[in-house]
């Protein structure tokens, strides 16, 4: 029998939590919109994968973690980094290729990293970080630490061999790992119906004896509640948990993507489930926030994003003579 946890939607929320969730999602959205704008001006170069539409997943899940927990993400990770508490200016500077960035400008958009926040990427290889997350969780277990590891990945990664190898080892070794699949229905440009014989991804956990759950990834309250339940299971049992968040990205796969694989009408239909106005409306209906609160949040976020851009603009490029630093090792 499949071991799938059914988690009912959240029914209670207070002002503090509501404002915090709304602020984080709005910050990610505005940061991504500004990043797209800067990319068109060639301020940001290379690849750029935006998280617009999926904000509820990173915000809801990371809300359930502690500062000691490990977090790994994909190349679409700006939202995860911001939700984890990384400074917006440091992230923007990294995307500008400036030394003030989290990786001295060498990683760029796809390789954000902050050991202080226990944010271990930003990983560009699809599914490449899943085995890493198993190893980190195993290390915590061997060292008798109380922290867990949380790994975000897309449904495209769930079709890779590393996913199955990682699920198998996580279950075999009983490691404290929360595997979060962000199912946005399109692995790059391939619809899930063409890449997964079983599209209910949560069913895959049963093959490895891993407890699983699926949640509406467009509802931050549902994600937050499901994540807390999953994290509690991982902490109390020391065993892995597989959480599938069914979501949707409103923008193309990357800034290079012509987006010929889906109809505009489909995107517009999904935008009706936008997690940000959905939460805002709910909070207003519950009389937990006012229009003044919304205005204050918008102004605060606009200032924060502009300060991040200003910080990146004023940043410094690495001197030419240091370009081989960290690439070649010297004698001895």
C-alpha atoms as a PDB file:
ATOM      1  CA  UNK A   1       0.000   0.000   0.000  1.00  0.00           C
ATOM      2  CA  UNK A   2       1.332   3.443  -0.940  1.00  0.00           C
ATOM      3  CA  UNK A   3       2.414   5.487   2.067  1.00  0.00           C
ATOM      4  CA  UNK A   4       1.123   8.923   1.131  1.00  0.00           C
ATOM      5  CA  UNK A   5       0.354  11.485   3.791  1.00  0.00           C
ATOM      6  CA  UNK A   6      -2.773  13.603   3.343  1.00  0.00           C
ATOM      7  CA  UNK A   7      -2.322  17.053   4.850  1.00  0.00           C
ATOM      8  CA  UNK A   8      -5.467  19.228   5.052  1.00  0.00           C
ATOM      9  CA  UNK A   9      -5.260  22.909   4.068  1.00  0.00           C
ATOM     10  CA  UNK A  10      -4.304  25.356   6.779  1.00  0.00           C
ATOM     11  CA  UNK A  11      -7.259  27.070   8.416  1.00  0.00           C
ATOM     12  CA  UNK A  12      -5.610  29.437  10.890  1.00  0.00           C
ATOM     13  CA  UNK A  13      -3.150  32.278  10.392  1.00  0.00           C
ATOM     14  CA  UNK A  14      -2.184  35.342  12.386  1.00  0.00           C
ATOM     15  CA  UNK A  15      -1.090  38.809  11.273  1.00  0.00           C
ATOM     16  CA  UNK A  16       2.609  38.289  11.969  1.00  0.00           C
ATOM     17  CA  UNK A  17       2.874  35.098   9.923  1.00  0.00           C
ATOM     18  CA  UNK A  18       0.683  36.479   7.153  1.00  0.00           C
ATOM     19  CA  UNK A  19       2.730  39.641   6.738  1.00  0.00           C
ATOM     20  CA  UNK A  20       5.992  37.695   6.827  1.00  0.00           C
ATOM     21  CA  UNK A  21       4.888  35.254   4.121  1.00  0.00           C
ATOM     22  CA  UNK A  22       3.489  38.061   1.979  1.00  0.00           C
ATOM     23  CA  UNK A  23       6.625  40.167   2.353  1.00  0.00           C
ATOM     24  CA  UNK A  24       8.934  37.329   1.350  1.00  0.00           C
ATOM     25  CA  UNK A  25       6.901  36.391  -1.726  1.00  0.00           C
ATOM     26  CA  UNK A  26       6.575  40.022  -2.824  1.00  0.00           C
ATOM     27  CA  UNK A  27      10.315  40.571  -2.362  1.00  0.00           C
ATOM     28  CA  UNK A  28      11.154  37.552  -4.510  1.00  0.00           C
ATOM     29  CA  UNK A  29       8.698  38.665  -7.209  1.00  0.00           C
ATOM     30  CA  UNK A  30      10.055  42.210  -7.379  1.00  0.00           C
ATOM     31  CA  UNK A  31      13.659  41.016  -7.275  1.00  0.00           C
ATOM     32  CA  UNK A  32      12.998  38.681 -10.204  1.00  0.00           C
ATOM     33  CA  UNK A  33      11.191  41.358 -12.197  1.00  0.00           C
ATOM     34  CA  UNK A  34      14.120  43.725 -11.693  1.00  0.00           C
ATOM     35  CA  UNK A  35      16.568  40.960 -12.650  1.00  0.00           C
ATOM     36  CA  UNK A  36      14.730  40.433 -15.933  1.00  0.00           C
ATOM     37  CA  UNK A  37      14.866  44.159 -16.612  1.00  0.00           C
ATOM     38  CA  UNK A  38      18.592  44.307 -15.894  1.00  0.00           C
ATOM     39  CA  UNK A  39      19.218  41.281 -18.086  1.00  0.00           C
ATOM     40  CA  UNK A  40      17.671  43.036 -21.083  1.00  0.00           C
ATOM     41  CA  UNK A  41      20.103  45.904 -20.421  1.00  0.00           C
ATOM     42  CA  UNK A  42      23.065  43.465 -20.350  1.00  0.00           C
ATOM     43  CA  UNK A  43      23.799  44.321 -16.729  1.00  0.00           C
ATOM     44  CA  UNK A  44      23.323  40.631 -15.912  1.00  0.00           C
ATOM     45  CA  UNK A  45      24.820  38.147 -18.358  1.00  0.00           C
ATOM     46  CA  UNK A  46      24.890  34.405 -18.880  1.00  0.00           C
ATOM     47  CA  UNK A  47      21.860  32.320 -17.944  1.00  0.00           C
ATOM     48  CA  UNK A  48      18.968  33.665 -15.896  1.00  0.00           C
ATOM     49  CA  UNK A  49      16.124  31.443 -14.662  1.00  0.00           C
ATOM     50  CA  UNK A  50      13.302  33.313 -12.937  1.00  0.00           C
ATOM     51  CA  UNK A  51      11.172  32.004 -10.072  1.00  0.00           C
ATOM     52  CA  UNK A  52       8.082  34.093 -10.824  1.00  0.00           C
ATOM     53  CA  UNK A  53       4.943  32.108  -9.985  1.00  0.00           C
ATOM     54  CA  UNK A  54       6.649  29.580  -7.715  1.00  0.00           C
ATOM     55  CA  UNK A  55       7.310  31.871  -4.740  1.00  0.00           C
ATOM     56  CA  UNK A  56       4.939  30.017  -2.399  1.00  0.00           C
ATOM     57  CA  UNK A  57       7.122  26.890  -2.476  1.00  0.00           C
ATOM     58  CA  UNK A  58      10.447  28.358  -1.322  1.00  0.00           C
ATOM     59  CA  UNK A  59       8.799  30.704   1.174  1.00  0.00           C
ATOM     60  CA  UNK A  60       6.449  28.087   2.616  1.00  0.00           C
ATOM     61  CA  UNK A  61       9.057  25.352   2.978  1.00  0.00           C
ATOM     62  CA  UNK A  62      11.956  27.429   4.278  1.00  0.00           C
ATOM     63  CA  UNK A  63       9.617  28.922   6.879  1.00  0.00           C
ATOM     64  CA  UNK A  64       9.553  25.471   8.474  1.00  0.00           C
ATOM     65  CA  UNK A  65      13.352  25.104   8.711  1.00  0.00           C
ATOM     66  CA  UNK A  66      15.804  26.267  11.358  1.00  0.00           C
ATOM     67  CA  UNK A  67      19.004  28.234  10.826  1.00  0.00           C
ATOM     68  CA  UNK A  68      21.037  25.036  11.409  1.00  0.00           C
ATOM     69  CA  UNK A  69      19.355  23.058   8.626  1.00  0.00           C
ATOM     70  CA  UNK A  70      21.083  22.605   5.257  1.00  0.00           C
ATOM     71  CA  UNK A  71      19.416  23.895   2.092  1.00  0.00           C
ATOM     72  CA  UNK A  72      20.272  22.903  -1.484  1.00  0.00           C
ATOM     73  CA  UNK A  73      18.511  24.194  -4.587  1.00  0.00           C
ATOM     74  CA  UNK A  74      18.554  24.183  -8.372  1.00  0.00           C
ATOM     75  CA  UNK A  75      19.745  26.877 -10.787  1.00  0.00           C
ATOM     76  CA  UNK A  76      16.337  28.600 -10.353  1.00  0.00           C
ATOM     77  CA  UNK A  77      17.341  29.553  -6.829  1.00  0.00           C
ATOM     78  CA  UNK A  78      17.121  33.323  -6.324  1.00  0.00           C
ATOM     79  CA  UNK A  79      13.836  32.813  -4.470  1.00  0.00           C
ATOM     80  CA  UNK A  80      15.288  30.138  -2.200  1.00  0.00           C
ATOM     81  CA  UNK A  81      18.314  32.297  -1.413  1.00  0.00           C
ATOM     82  CA  UNK A  82      16.169  35.302  -0.510  1.00  0.00           C
ATOM     83  CA  UNK A  83      13.783  33.183   1.562  1.00  0.00           C
ATOM     84  CA  UNK A  84      16.804  31.717   3.358  1.00  0.00           C
ATOM     85  CA  UNK A  85      17.844  35.217   4.367  1.00  0.00           C
ATOM     86  CA  UNK A  86      20.685  35.952   1.964  1.00  0.00           C
ATOM     87  CA  UNK A  87      21.204  39.658   1.390  1.00  0.00           C
ATOM     88  CA  UNK A  88      19.561  40.920  -1.800  1.00  0.00           C
ATOM     89  CA  UNK A  89      22.515  43.179  -2.567  1.00  0.00           C
ATOM     90  CA  UNK A  90      25.016  40.332  -2.277  1.00  0.00           C
ATOM     91  CA  UNK A  91      22.871  38.192  -4.581  1.00  0.00           C
ATOM     92  CA  UNK A  92      22.548  40.984  -7.135  1.00  0.00           C
ATOM     93  CA  UNK A  93      26.277  41.691  -6.995  1.00  0.00           C
ATOM     94  CA  UNK A  94      26.935  38.018  -7.712  1.00  0.00           C
ATOM     95  CA  UNK A  95      24.722  38.178 -10.785  1.00  0.00           C
ATOM     96  CA  UNK A  96      26.568  41.321 -11.897  1.00  0.00           C
ATOM     97  CA  UNK A  97      29.831  39.369 -11.623  1.00  0.00           C
ATOM     98  CA  UNK A  98      31.156  41.650  -8.893  1.00  0.00           C
ATOM     99  CA  UNK A  99      33.577  40.664  -6.130  1.00  0.00           C
ATOM    100  CA  UNK A 100      31.052  41.766  -3.500  1.00  0.00           C
ATOM    101  CA  UNK A 101      28.832  38.866  -4.563  1.00  0.00           C
ATOM    102  CA  UNK A 102      28.473  35.731  -2.452  1.00  0.00           C
ATOM    103  CA  UNK A 103      30.961  33.879  -4.703  1.00  0.00           C
ATOM    104  CA  UNK A 104      33.117  36.863  -5.706  1.00  0.00           C
ATOM    105  CA  UNK A 105      31.110  37.094  -8.918  1.00  0.00           C
ATOM    106  CA  UNK A 106      32.417  33.756 -10.174  1.00  0.00           C
ATOM    107  CA  UNK A 107      29.203  31.785  -9.739  1.00  0.00           C
ATOM    108  CA  UNK A 108      26.586  34.107 -11.144  1.00  0.00           C
ATOM    109  CA  UNK A 109      22.857  33.466 -11.166  1.00  0.00           C
ATOM    110  CA  UNK A 110      23.027  29.676 -11.089  1.00  0.00           C
ATOM    111  CA  UNK A 111      25.595  29.214  -8.310  1.00  0.00           C
ATOM    112  CA  UNK A 112      24.539  31.239  -5.276  1.00  0.00           C
ATOM    113  CA  UNK A 113      26.190  29.927  -2.111  1.00  0.00           C
ATOM    114  CA  UNK A 114      26.336  31.112   1.495  1.00  0.00           C
ATOM    115  CA  UNK A 115      27.876  28.829   4.110  1.00  0.00           C
ATOM    116  CA  UNK A 116      26.781  31.166   6.914  1.00  0.00           C
ATOM    117  CA  UNK A 117      23.153  30.658   5.930  1.00  0.00           C
ATOM    118  CA  UNK A 118      23.847  26.966   5.280  1.00  0.00           C
ATOM    119  CA  UNK A 119      22.700  27.541   1.713  1.00  0.00           C
ATOM    120  CA  UNK A 120      24.756  25.159  -0.420  1.00  0.00           C
ATOM    121  CA  UNK A 121      23.714  26.172  -3.937  1.00  0.00           C
ATOM    122  CA  UNK A 122      22.497  26.927  -6.583  1.00  0.00           C
ATOM    123  CA  UNK A 123      23.460  23.797  -8.606  1.00  0.00           C
ATOM    124  CA  UNK A 124      23.474  23.947 -12.397  1.00  0.00           C
ATOM    125  CA  UNK A 125      23.451  20.212 -13.168  1.00  0.00           C
ATOM    126  CA  UNK A 126      19.901  18.833 -13.170  1.00  0.00           C
ATOM    127  CA  UNK A 127      19.611  16.375 -10.228  1.00  0.00           C
ATOM    128  CA  UNK A 128      23.336  16.696  -9.523  1.00  0.00           C
ATOM    129  CA  UNK A 129      22.709  18.015  -6.021  1.00  0.00           C
ATOM    130  CA  UNK A 130      20.416  15.179  -4.925  1.00  0.00           C
ATOM    131  CA  UNK A 131      23.294  12.790  -4.088  1.00  0.00           C
ATOM    132  CA  UNK A 132      25.015  15.703  -2.337  1.00  0.00           C
ATOM    133  CA  UNK A 133      21.960  16.226  -0.144  1.00  0.00           C
ATOM    134  CA  UNK A 134      21.948  12.537   0.831  1.00  0.00           C
ATOM    135  CA  UNK A 135      25.615  12.825   1.774  1.00  0.00           C
ATOM    136  CA  UNK A 136      25.017  15.936   3.869  1.00  0.00           C
ATOM    137  CA  UNK A 137      22.114  14.286   5.668  1.00  0.00           C
ATOM    138  CA  UNK A 138      24.226  11.183   6.266  1.00  0.00           C
ATOM    139  CA  UNK A 139      26.996  13.367   7.704  1.00  0.00           C
ATOM    140  CA  UNK A 140      24.519  14.940  10.150  1.00  0.00           C
ATOM    141  CA  UNK A 141      23.410  11.479  11.209  1.00  0.00           C
ATOM    142  CA  UNK A 142      26.963  10.175  11.667  1.00  0.00           C
ATOM    143  CA  UNK A 143      27.951  13.276  13.649  1.00  0.00           C
ATOM    144  CA  UNK A 144      24.781  12.970  15.740  1.00  0.00           C
ATOM    145  CA  UNK A 145      23.655  16.480  14.832  1.00  0.00           C
ATOM    146  CA  UNK A 146      20.021  17.506  15.180  1.00  0.00           C
ATOM    147  CA  UNK A 147      19.799  19.409  11.898  1.00  0.00           C
ATOM    148  CA  UNK A 148      18.154  18.125   8.730  1.00  0.00           C
ATOM    149  CA  UNK A 149      18.880  18.685   5.048  1.00  0.00           C
ATOM    150  CA  UNK A 150      16.302  20.123   2.649  1.00  0.00           C
ATOM    151  CA  UNK A 151      16.790  19.630  -1.080  1.00  0.00           C
ATOM    152  CA  UNK A 152      14.709  21.463  -3.719  1.00  0.00           C
ATOM    153  CA  UNK A 153      14.509  20.086  -7.262  1.00  0.00           C
ATOM    154  CA  UNK A 154      12.141  20.069 -10.222  1.00  0.00           C
ATOM    155  CA  UNK A 155      10.103  17.297 -11.811  1.00  0.00           C
ATOM    156  CA  UNK A 156      12.725  17.168 -14.551  1.00  0.00           C
ATOM    157  CA  UNK A 157      15.250  15.986 -11.962  1.00  0.00           C
ATOM    158  CA  UNK A 158      12.755  13.351 -10.805  1.00  0.00           C
ATOM    159  CA  UNK A 159      13.156  11.700 -14.214  1.00  0.00           C
ATOM    160  CA  UNK A 160      16.935  11.422 -13.786  1.00  0.00           C
ATOM    161  CA  UNK A 161      18.835   8.427 -12.469  1.00  0.00           C
ATOM    162  CA  UNK A 162      20.300  10.458  -9.598  1.00  0.00           C
ATOM    163  CA  UNK A 163      16.800  10.926  -8.204  1.00  0.00           C
ATOM    164  CA  UNK A 164      16.217   7.191  -7.908  1.00  0.00           C
ATOM    165  CA  UNK A 165      19.704   6.506  -6.605  1.00  0.00           C
ATOM    166  CA  UNK A 166      19.290   9.237  -3.994  1.00  0.00           C
ATOM    167  CA  UNK A 167      15.847   8.047  -2.926  1.00  0.00           C
ATOM    168  CA  UNK A 168      17.181   4.514  -2.570  1.00  0.00           C
ATOM    169  CA  UNK A 169      20.222   5.487  -0.494  1.00  0.00           C
ATOM    170  CA  UNK A 170      18.243   7.963   1.638  1.00  0.00           C
ATOM    171  CA  UNK A 171      15.821   5.197   2.559  1.00  0.00           C
ATOM    172  CA  UNK A 172      18.509   2.523   2.900  1.00  0.00           C
ATOM    173  CA  UNK A 173      20.588   4.640   5.267  1.00  0.00           C
ATOM    174  CA  UNK A 174      17.623   6.342   7.023  1.00  0.00           C
ATOM    175  CA  UNK A 175      18.951   9.880   6.700  1.00  0.00           C
ATOM    176  CA  UNK A 176      17.193  13.083   7.878  1.00  0.00           C
ATOM    177  CA  UNK A 177      16.405  14.473   4.443  1.00  0.00           C
ATOM    178  CA  UNK A 178      13.428  16.465   3.172  1.00  0.00           C
ATOM    179  CA  UNK A 179      13.187  16.109  -0.605  1.00  0.00           C
ATOM    180  CA  UNK A 180      11.022  18.875  -2.087  1.00  0.00           C
ATOM    181  CA  UNK A 181       9.963  18.468  -5.702  1.00  0.00           C
ATOM    182  CA  UNK A 182       8.829  21.713  -7.335  1.00  0.00           C
ATOM    183  CA  UNK A 183       6.613  20.286 -10.047  1.00  0.00           C
ATOM    184  CA  UNK A 184       6.047  23.173 -12.458  1.00  0.00           C
ATOM    185  CA  UNK A 185       4.890  20.792 -15.212  1.00  0.00           C
ATOM    186  CA  UNK A 186       7.633  21.675 -17.698  1.00  0.00           C
ATOM    187  CA  UNK A 187      11.177  20.346 -17.444  1.00  0.00           C
ATOM    188  CA  UNK A 188      12.760  23.082 -19.529  1.00  0.00           C
ATOM    189  CA  UNK A 189      10.323  22.749 -22.463  1.00  0.00           C
ATOM    190  CA  UNK A 190       9.110  19.183 -22.002  1.00  0.00           C
ATOM    191  CA  UNK A 191       5.627  18.702 -20.544  1.00  0.00           C
ATOM    192  CA  UNK A 192       5.438  16.240 -17.667  1.00  0.00           C
ATOM    193  CA  UNK A 193       3.142  13.929 -19.647  1.00  0.00           C
ATOM    194  CA  UNK A 194       6.058  13.263 -22.028  1.00  0.00           C
ATOM    195  CA  UNK A 195       8.687  12.593 -19.348  1.00  0.00           C
ATOM    196  CA  UNK A 196       6.880  10.733 -16.542  1.00  0.00           C
ATOM    197  CA  UNK A 197       4.837   7.577 -17.022  1.00  0.00           C
ATOM    198  CA  UNK A 198       3.283   8.267 -13.596  1.00  0.00           C
ATOM    199  CA  UNK A 199       2.520  11.968 -13.283  1.00  0.00           C
ATOM    200  CA  UNK A 200       1.458  11.809  -9.622  1.00  0.00           C
ATOM    201  CA  UNK A 201       5.064  12.171  -8.522  1.00  0.00           C
ATOM    202  CA  UNK A 202       4.332  11.568  -4.840  1.00  0.00           C
ATOM    203  CA  UNK A 203       3.661   7.917  -5.715  1.00  0.00           C
ATOM    204  CA  UNK A 204       7.348   7.426  -6.486  1.00  0.00           C
ATOM    205  CA  UNK A 205       8.259   7.532  -2.815  1.00  0.00           C
ATOM    206  CA  UNK A 206       6.412   4.282  -2.120  1.00  0.00           C
ATOM    207  CA  UNK A 207       8.902   2.300  -4.211  1.00  0.00           C
ATOM    208  CA  UNK A 208      11.567   3.167  -1.659  1.00  0.00           C
ATOM    209  CA  UNK A 209       9.434   3.056   1.463  1.00  0.00           C
ATOM    210  CA  UNK A 210       9.635   6.826   1.819  1.00  0.00           C
ATOM    211  CA  UNK A 211       6.612   8.626   3.223  1.00  0.00           C
ATOM    212  CA  UNK A 212       5.332  11.202   0.761  1.00  0.00           C
ATOM    213  CA  UNK A 213       2.810  13.995   0.390  1.00  0.00           C
ATOM    214  CA  UNK A 214       1.571  16.308  -2.359  1.00  0.00           C
ATOM    215  CA  UNK A 215       0.409  19.864  -1.811  1.00  0.00           C
ATOM    216  CA  UNK A 216      -0.935  22.804  -3.795  1.00  0.00           C
ATOM    217  CA  UNK A 217       2.270  24.725  -4.441  1.00  0.00           C
ATOM    218  CA  UNK A 218       0.334  27.851  -5.389  1.00  0.00           C
ATOM    219  CA  UNK A 219      -0.961  28.280  -1.826  1.00  0.00           C
ATOM    220  CA  UNK A 220       1.761  29.380   0.587  1.00  0.00           C
ATOM    221  CA  UNK A 221      -0.330  28.496   3.638  1.00  0.00           C
ATOM    222  CA  UNK A 222      -0.826  24.933   2.445  1.00  0.00           C
ATOM    223  CA  UNK A 223       2.862  24.632   1.605  1.00  0.00           C
ATOM    224  CA  UNK A 224       3.893  26.027   4.982  1.00  0.00           C
ATOM    225  CA  UNK A 225       1.635  23.607   6.856  1.00  0.00           C
ATOM    226  CA  UNK A 226       2.705  20.607   4.771  1.00  0.00           C
ATOM    227  CA  UNK A 227       6.374  21.545   5.176  1.00  0.00           C
ATOM    228  CA  UNK A 228       6.056  21.822   8.952  1.00  0.00           C
ATOM    229  CA  UNK A 229       4.418  18.393   9.117  1.00  0.00           C
ATOM    230  CA  UNK A 230       7.117  16.918   6.878  1.00  0.00           C
ATOM    231  CA  UNK A 231       9.972  18.539   8.817  1.00  0.00           C
ATOM    232  CA  UNK A 232       8.517  17.263  12.086  1.00  0.00           C
ATOM    233  CA  UNK A 233       8.418  13.733  10.628  1.00  0.00           C
ATOM    234  CA  UNK A 234      12.035  13.955   9.488  1.00  0.00           C
ATOM    235  CA  UNK A 235      13.237  15.286  12.850  1.00  0.00           C
ATOM    236  CA  UNK A 236      11.304  12.799  14.956  1.00  0.00           C
ATOM    237  CA  UNK A 237      12.072   9.701  12.886  1.00  0.00           C
ATOM    238  CA  UNK A 238      15.421  10.568  11.321  1.00  0.00           C
ATOM    239  CA  UNK A 239      14.018   9.231   8.056  1.00  0.00           C
ATOM    240  CA  UNK A 240      13.590  10.942   4.671  1.00  0.00           C
ATOM    241  CA  UNK A 241      10.344  12.502   3.502  1.00  0.00           C
ATOM    242  CA  UNK A 242       9.269  13.310  -0.066  1.00  0.00           C
ATOM    243  CA  UNK A 243       7.126  16.440  -0.507  1.00  0.00           C
ATOM    244  CA  UNK A 244       5.728  17.314  -3.948  1.00  0.00           C
ATOM    245  CA  UNK A 245       4.638  20.922  -4.448  1.00  0.00           C
ATOM    246  CA  UNK A 246       2.545  21.259  -7.607  1.00  0.00           C
ATOM    247  CA  UNK A 247       3.247  24.721  -8.945  1.00  0.00           C
ATOM    248  CA  UNK A 248       3.740  26.694 -12.172  1.00  0.00           C
ATOM    249  CA  UNK A 249       6.247  29.187 -13.510  1.00  0.00           C
ATOM    250  CA  UNK A 250       4.747  32.207 -15.224  1.00  0.00           C
ATOM    251  CA  UNK A 251       7.881  33.096 -17.175  1.00  0.00           C
ATOM    252  CA  UNK A 252       9.823  31.095 -19.731  1.00  0.00           C
ATOM    253  CA  UNK A 253      12.370  28.481 -18.642  1.00  0.00           C
ATOM    254  CA  UNK A 254      15.153  31.039 -19.037  1.00  0.00           C
ATOM    255  CA  UNK A 255      15.699  34.404 -20.686  1.00  0.00           C
ATOM    256  CA  UNK A 256      16.862  32.542 -23.814  1.00  0.00           C
ATOM    257  CA  UNK A 257      13.660  30.493 -24.058  1.00  0.00           C
ATOM    258  CA  UNK A 258      11.296  31.313 -26.937  1.00  0.00           C
ATOM    259  CA  UNK A 259       8.560  29.429 -25.015  1.00  0.00           C
ATOM    260  CA  UNK A 260       7.021  27.656 -28.013  1.00  0.00           C
ATOM    261  CA  UNK A 261       5.959  24.576 -26.051  1.00  0.00           C
ATOM    262  CA  UNK A 262       2.879  25.932 -24.254  1.00  0.00           C
ATOM    263  CA  UNK A 263      -0.056  28.162 -25.098  1.00  0.00           C
ATOM    264  CA  UNK A 264      -0.268  31.691 -23.743  1.00  0.00           C
ATOM    265  CA  UNK A 265      -3.830  30.926 -22.673  1.00  0.00           C
ATOM    266  CA  UNK A 266      -2.521  28.177 -20.380  1.00  0.00           C
ATOM    267  CA  UNK A 267      -0.152  30.597 -18.684  1.00  0.00           C
ATOM    268  CA  UNK A 268      -2.911  33.165 -18.231  1.00  0.00           C
ATOM    269  CA  UNK A 269      -5.175  30.534 -16.702  1.00  0.00           C
ATOM    270  CA  UNK A 270      -2.501  29.581 -14.166  1.00  0.00           C
ATOM    271  CA  UNK A 271      -1.915  33.248 -13.311  1.00  0.00           C
ATOM    272  CA  UNK A 272      -5.395  33.244 -11.797  1.00  0.00           C
ATOM    273  CA  UNK A 273      -3.817  31.108  -9.050  1.00  0.00           C
ATOM    274  CA  UNK A 274      -0.987  33.589  -8.427  1.00  0.00           C
ATOM    275  CA  UNK A 275       0.059  32.919  -4.801  1.00  0.00           C
ATOM    276  CA  UNK A 276       0.728  36.566  -3.958  1.00  0.00           C
ATOM    277  CA  UNK A 277      -2.698  38.130  -4.646  1.00  0.00           C
ATOM    278  CA  UNK A 278      -4.284  34.940  -3.278  1.00  0.00           C
ATOM    279  CA  UNK A 279      -2.625  35.427   0.122  1.00  0.00           C
ATOM    280  CA  UNK A 280      -3.202  39.168   0.045  1.00  0.00           C
ATOM    281  CA  UNK A 281      -6.922  38.656  -0.559  1.00  0.00           C
ATOM    282  CA  UNK A 282      -7.170  36.060   2.207  1.00  0.00           C
ATOM    283  CA  UNK A 283      -5.445  38.319   4.716  1.00  0.00           C
ATOM    284  CA  UNK A 284      -7.702  41.229   3.753  1.00  0.00           C
ATOM    285  CA  UNK A 285     -10.823  39.081   4.097  1.00  0.00           C
ATOM    286  CA  UNK A 286      -9.690  37.991   7.571  1.00  0.00           C
ATOM    287  CA  UNK A 287      -9.058  41.662   8.405  1.00  0.00           C
ATOM    288  CA  UNK A 288      -5.476  40.868   9.344  1.00  0.00           C
ATOM    289  CA  UNK A 289      -3.997  43.529   7.063  1.00  0.00           C
ATOM    290  CA  UNK A 290      -5.091  46.808   5.462  1.00  0.00           C
ATOM    291  CA  UNK A 291      -4.376  48.652   2.226  1.00  0.00           C
ATOM    292  CA  UNK A 292      -1.872  50.735   4.208  1.00  0.00           C
ATOM    293  CA  UNK A 293       0.022  47.555   5.070  1.00  0.00           C
ATOM    294  CA  UNK A 294       0.182  46.619   1.392  1.00  0.00           C
ATOM    295  CA  UNK A 295       1.429  50.071   0.445  1.00  0.00           C
ATOM    296  CA  UNK A 296       4.086  49.971   3.153  1.00  0.00           C
ATOM    297  CA  UNK A 297       5.275  46.546   2.010  1.00  0.00           C
ATOM    298  CA  UNK A 298       5.468  47.637  -1.621  1.00  0.00           C
ATOM    299  CA  UNK A 299       7.514  50.730  -0.731  1.00  0.00           C
ATOM    300  CA  UNK A 300       9.822  48.780   1.576  1.00  0.00           C
ATOM    301  CA  UNK A 301      10.466  46.152  -1.089  1.00  0.00           C
ATOM    302  CA  UNK A 302      10.974  48.696  -3.855  1.00  0.00           C
ATOM    303  CA  UNK A 303      13.604  50.428  -1.720  1.00  0.00           C
ATOM    304  CA  UNK A 304      15.265  47.126  -0.820  1.00  0.00           C
ATOM    305  CA  UNK A 305      15.540  46.011  -4.438  1.00  0.00           C
ATOM    306  CA  UNK A 306      16.818  49.398  -5.578  1.00  0.00           C
ATOM    307  CA  UNK A 307      19.440  49.340  -2.831  1.00  0.00           C
ATOM    308  CA  UNK A 308      20.498  45.897  -4.065  1.00  0.00           C
ATOM    309  CA  UNK A 309      20.924  47.245  -7.589  1.00  0.00           C
ATOM    310  CA  UNK A 310      22.873  50.258  -6.339  1.00  0.00           C
ATOM    311  CA  UNK A 311      25.146  47.966  -4.318  1.00  0.00           C
ATOM    312  CA  UNK A 312      25.826  45.812  -7.374  1.00  0.00           C
ATOM    313  CA  UNK A 313      26.425  48.821  -9.614  1.00  0.00           C
ATOM    314  CA  UNK A 314      29.026  50.191  -7.202  1.00  0.00           C
ATOM    315  CA  UNK A 315      30.727  46.822  -6.852  1.00  0.00           C
ATOM    316  CA  UNK A 316      34.169  45.976  -8.197  1.00  0.00           C
ATOM    317  CA  UNK A 317      35.248  43.542 -10.879  1.00  0.00           C
ATOM    318  CA  UNK A 318      37.963  41.051 -10.055  1.00  0.00           C
ATOM    319  CA  UNK A 319      41.419  42.211 -11.187  1.00  0.00           C
ATOM    320  CA  UNK A 320      42.695  40.507 -14.320  1.00  0.00           C
ATOM    321  CA  UNK A 321      45.730  39.100 -12.510  1.00  0.00           C
ATOM    322  CA  UNK A 322      43.433  37.163 -10.141  1.00  0.00           C
ATOM    323  CA  UNK A 323      41.402  35.363 -12.794  1.00  0.00           C
ATOM    324  CA  UNK A 324      43.321  32.098 -12.354  1.00  0.00           C
ATOM    325  CA  UNK A 325      42.916  32.191  -8.565  1.00  0.00           C
ATOM    326  CA  UNK A 326      40.967  29.141  -7.287  1.00  0.00           C
ATOM    327  CA  UNK A 327      41.432  27.498 -10.714  1.00  0.00           C
ATOM    328  CA  UNK A 328      45.024  26.231 -10.606  1.00  0.00           C
ATOM    329  CA  UNK A 329      46.896  25.055  -7.535  1.00  0.00           C
ATOM    330  CA  UNK A 330      50.506  26.051  -7.113  1.00  0.00           C
ATOM    331  CA  UNK A 331      53.449  23.831  -6.146  1.00  0.00           C
ATOM    332  CA  UNK A 332      53.419  22.395  -2.652  1.00  0.00           C
END
